[in-house]
Every structure is written in structure tokens, then in C-alpha cells.
C-alpha atoms as a PDB file:
ATOM      1  CA  MET A   1      60.417 155.748 165.963  1.00  0.00           C
ATOM      2  CA  PHE A   2      61.207 158.430 163.254  1.00  0.00           C
ATOM      3  CA  GLU A   3      61.342 161.625 164.549  1.00  0.00           C
ATOM      4  CA  ASN A   4      61.478 164.842 161.700  1.00  0.00           C
ATOM      5  CA  SER A   5      61.322 168.129 162.818  1.00  0.00           C
ATOM      6  CA  ASN A   6      58.845 169.014 159.974  1.00  0.00           C
ATOM      7  CA  ARG A   7      56.346 165.881 159.826  1.00  0.00           C
ATOM      8  CA  ARG A   8      54.591 163.555 162.482  1.00  0.00           C
ATOM      9  CA  THR A   9      56.359 160.812 164.347  1.00  0.00           C
ATOM     10  CA  ALA A  10      55.397 157.367 163.182  1.00  0.00           C
ATOM     11  CA  HIS A  11      55.496 154.266 165.097  1.00  0.00           C
ATOM     12  CA  ILE A  12      56.215 150.992 163.744  1.00  0.00           C
ATOM     13  CA  ARG A  13      52.981 148.490 164.961  1.00  0.00           C
ATOM     14  CA  CYS A  14      51.885 145.261 163.961  1.00  0.00           C
ATOM     15  CA  LEU A  15      52.471 144.954 160.565  1.00  0.00           C
ATOM     16  CA  PRO A  16      53.152 141.453 158.468  1.00  0.00           C
ATOM     17  CA  PRO A  17      56.646 140.768 158.169  1.00  0.00           C
ATOM     18  CA  THR A  18      56.976 141.644 154.954  1.00  0.00           C
ATOM     19  CA  ALA A  19      55.994 145.230 155.254  1.00  0.00           C
ATOM     20  CA  VAL A  20      57.234 148.101 156.918  1.00  0.00           C
ATOM     21  CA  ARG A  21      56.238 151.861 157.603  1.00  0.00           C
ATOM     22  CA  VAL A  22      58.405 153.992 156.300  1.00  0.00           C
ATOM     23  CA  GLN A  23      58.058 157.733 157.299  1.00  0.00           C
ATOM     24  CA  GLN A  24      57.973 159.554 153.819  1.00  0.00           C
ATOM     25  CA  HIS A  25      55.639 162.302 152.763  1.00  0.00           C
ATOM     26  CA  VAL A  26      51.916 160.747 153.895  1.00  0.00           C
ATOM     27  CA  GLY A  27      53.702 157.278 155.862  1.00  0.00           C
ATOM     28  CA  ASP A  28      53.531 155.260 152.902  1.00  0.00           C
ATOM     29  CA  LEU A  29      53.757 151.180 153.198  1.00  0.00           C
ATOM     30  CA  VAL A  30      56.293 149.726 151.390  1.00  0.00           C
ATOM     31  CA  SER A  31      56.340 146.070 151.110  1.00  0.00           C
ATOM     32  CA  VAL A  32      59.758 144.614 150.698  1.00  0.00           C
ATOM     33  CA  ASP A  33      60.102 140.957 148.950  1.00  0.00           C
ATOM     34  CA  PHE A  34      63.045 139.005 150.611  1.00  0.00           C
ATOM     35  CA  SER A  35      63.149 136.312 147.659  1.00  0.00           C
ATOM     36  CA  GLY A  36      67.199 135.417 147.742  1.00  0.00           C
ATOM     37  CA  PRO A  37      69.975 136.675 146.479  1.00  0.00           C
ATOM     38  CA  PRO A  38      70.324 137.868 142.764  1.00  0.00           C
ATOM     39  CA  PRO A  39      70.600 135.391 140.058  1.00  0.00           C
ATOM     40  CA  ARG A  40      73.778 135.598 138.439  1.00  0.00           C
ATOM     41  CA  SER A  41      73.301 136.707 134.665  1.00  0.00           C
ATOM     42  CA  ARG A  42      76.161 136.679 131.998  1.00  0.00           C
ATOM     43  CA  ASN A  43      73.866 138.554 130.077  1.00  0.00           C
ATOM     44  CA  THR A  44      74.223 141.918 131.089  1.00  0.00           C
ATOM     45  CA  LYS A  45      74.616 145.072 129.126  1.00  0.00           C
ATOM     46  CA  HIS A  46      78.448 144.496 129.601  1.00  0.00           C
ATOM     47  CA  ALA A  47      78.879 141.042 129.273  1.00  0.00           C
ATOM     48  CA  LEU A  48      76.730 141.517 125.912  1.00  0.00           C
ATOM     49  CA  ILE A  49      78.886 143.993 124.179  1.00  0.00           C
ATOM     50  CA  ALA A  50      82.313 142.120 126.079  1.00  0.00           C
ATOM     51  CA  MET A  51      80.888 138.848 123.751  1.00  0.00           C
ATOM     52  CA  GLU A  52      80.961 141.181 120.271  1.00  0.00           C
ATOM     53  CA  LEU A  53      84.069 142.434 120.844  1.00  0.00           C
ATOM     54  CA  VAL A  54      85.439 139.023 121.326  1.00  0.00           C
ATOM     55  CA  ALA A  55      83.964 138.038 117.927  1.00  0.00           C
ATOM     56  CA  ARG A  56      86.069 140.522 116.109  1.00  0.00           C
ATOM     57  CA  PRO A  57      89.346 140.551 118.095  1.00  0.00           C
ATOM     58  CA  GLY A  58      91.657 143.583 117.737  1.00  0.00           C
ATOM     59  CA  GLU A  59      88.606 145.572 115.735  1.00  0.00           C
ATOM     60  CA  TRP A  60      87.711 148.743 117.436  1.00  0.00           C
ATOM     61  CA  GLY A  61      84.215 149.205 118.277  1.00  0.00           C
ATOM     62  CA  ILE A  62      81.937 152.277 119.771  1.00  0.00           C
ATOM     63  CA  VAL A  63      80.750 150.697 123.124  1.00  0.00           C
ATOM     64  CA  GLN A  64      79.462 153.803 124.931  1.00  0.00           C
ATOM     65  CA  ARG A  65      78.256 157.108 123.840  1.00  0.00           C
ATOM     66  CA  PRO A  66      78.134 158.952 127.574  1.00  0.00           C
ATOM     67  CA  THR A  67      77.068 162.786 128.223  1.00  0.00           C
ATOM     68  CA  SER A  68      80.542 164.060 129.260  1.00  0.00           C
ATOM     69  CA  ILE A  69      84.433 163.234 128.782  1.00  0.00           C
ATOM     70  CA  SER A  70      84.815 162.509 132.226  1.00  0.00           C
ATOM     71  CA  ARG A  71      81.864 159.789 132.478  1.00  0.00           C
ATOM     72  CA  ALA A  72      83.712 158.380 128.964  1.00  0.00           C
ATOM     73  CA  SER A  73      87.183 158.367 130.117  1.00  0.00           C
ATOM     74  CA  SER A  74      86.049 156.623 133.811  1.00  0.00           C
ATOM     75  CA  ALA A  75      84.227 153.819 131.662  1.00  0.00           C
ATOM     76  CA  ALA A  76      87.087 153.259 129.591  1.00  0.00           C
ATOM     77  CA  GLN A  77      89.419 152.636 132.207  1.00  0.00           C
ATOM     78  CA  ALA A  78      86.954 150.475 133.979  1.00  0.00           C
ATOM     79  CA  ILE A  79      87.174 148.648 130.611  1.00  0.00           C
ATOM     80  CA  ARG A  80      91.146 148.737 130.894  1.00  0.00           C
ATOM     81  CA  THR A  81      91.269 147.211 134.631  1.00  0.00           C
ATOM     82  CA  GLY A  82      88.713 144.598 134.524  1.00  0.00           C
ATOM     83  CA  ARG A  83      87.026 146.905 137.077  1.00  0.00           C
ATOM     84  CA  LEU A  84      83.774 145.508 135.229  1.00  0.00           C
ATOM     85  CA  SER A  85      84.056 141.221 135.528  1.00  0.00           C
ATOM     86  CA  ALA A  86      82.893 141.327 131.606  1.00  0.00           C
ATOM     87  CA  TYR A  87      86.311 142.767 130.842  1.00  0.00           C
ATOM     88  CA  PRO A  88      89.336 140.588 132.418  1.00  0.00           C
ATOM     89  CA  ALA A  89      92.115 142.857 133.237  1.00  0.00           C
ATOM     90  CA  GLY A  90      94.501 143.096 130.248  1.00  0.00           C
ATOM     91  CA  GLU A  91      92.514 141.594 127.442  1.00  0.00           C
ATOM     92  CA  PHE A  92      90.493 144.348 126.637  1.00  0.00           C
ATOM     93  CA  GLU A  93      92.039 148.094 125.058  1.00  0.00           C
ATOM     94  CA  ALA A  94      89.715 150.811 125.875  1.00  0.00           C
ATOM     95  CA  LYS A  95      90.271 154.972 125.000  1.00  0.00           C
ATOM     96  CA  ALA A  96      87.548 157.798 125.449  1.00  0.00           C
ATOM     97  CA  ARG A  97      87.484 160.299 122.793  1.00  0.00           C
ATOM     98  CA  THR A  98      85.554 163.780 122.116  1.00  0.00           C
ATOM     99  CA  ILE A  99      83.877 163.981 118.069  1.00  0.00           C
ATOM    100  CA  VAL A 100      83.070 167.221 116.606  1.00  0.00           C
ATOM    101  CA  LYS A 101      80.678 166.624 113.904  1.00  0.00           C
ATOM    102  CA  GLN A 102      78.369 169.122 112.117  1.00  0.00           C
ATOM    103  CA  GLY A 103      78.638 171.559 115.169  1.00  0.00           C
ATOM    104  CA  GLY A 104      77.781 169.090 117.922  1.00  0.00           C
ATOM    105  CA  VAL A 105      79.881 167.620 120.197  1.00  0.00           C
ATOM    106  CA  GLU A 106      79.785 163.806 121.003  1.00  0.00           C
ATOM    107  CA  HIS A 107      81.744 161.725 123.742  1.00  0.00           C
ATOM    108  CA  ARG A 108      82.293 158.126 122.893  1.00  0.00           C
ATOM    109  CA  VAL A 109      84.275 155.013 124.567  1.00  0.00           C
ATOM    110  CA  TYR A 110      86.165 152.806 122.186  1.00  0.00           C
ATOM    111  CA  ALA A 111      86.947 149.528 123.310  1.00  0.00           C
ATOM    112  CA  ARG A 112      88.349 146.222 121.444  1.00  0.00           C
ATOM    113  CA  TYR A 113      89.301 142.866 122.746  1.00  0.00           C
ATOM    114  CA  VAL A 114      93.162 141.898 122.496  1.00  0.00           C
ATOM    115  CA  GLY A 115      92.931 138.682 124.265  1.00  0.00           C
ATOM    116  CA  PRO A 116      94.866 137.420 127.376  1.00  0.00           C
ATOM    117  CA  LYS A 117      98.482 138.525 128.350  1.00  0.00           C
ATOM    118  CA  LYS A 118     100.821 135.821 127.705  1.00  0.00           C
END
């Protein structure tokens, strides 16, 4: 039973096993599809970027143009430290930069593949 001072109380009644009544604006019915774990995909956005960088070792590429320098710095750190599995720690370098061009500001993440540490 869900209670909210601004809404009526909703009760879970005899519903199909894949449906649960959720207390929302008017008690919408939401169906959940339990189809197992998500597939492991090697074609994620970051895996594709990493493959492009590996194909051109040592060459810097712009891999992202986020909306702020803090987001750019966070993304660069995630690449450097291997927080994202597509970029094994130590095999990629990454830097965040702010570029001023034609009166506008653009934040960029540059990265390059340097290979495994020896």
C-alpha cells in the first residue's frame, strides 16, 4: 500500500505477475518485462571510440564535446583511470580543454591510445 497526503491510497490487487500498479498521477499500470540480464555488447559508444583510437596509436582525437569543463574533466579522468571498461587503465591518455572560437566557447575531451605500460 502506498500513501501520499496529496493522493488517494493505491492497493496492489490481483494483477498479472508481470504488472504492478504504481501510484503515479492517476495510478498508471506499468508492465515489467523480465527477460534476463542485458547482453554484453562490445559495440557501446565508448568501445567504438576506443577502437578508433587504437587504430591510430599516439594520435590525439576529440572524443567528446560536453556542455561544461567539469563534465569534460570527469570524462577525461574516467578514460585515464580505466573507470570505463573500454579504456584499460594506463593504455589511454586523456585531457579536457576549453576552446574559444569565433566568440563561442567549446569544451572538449581529447584522448589517444598509448598502449599497455611495460
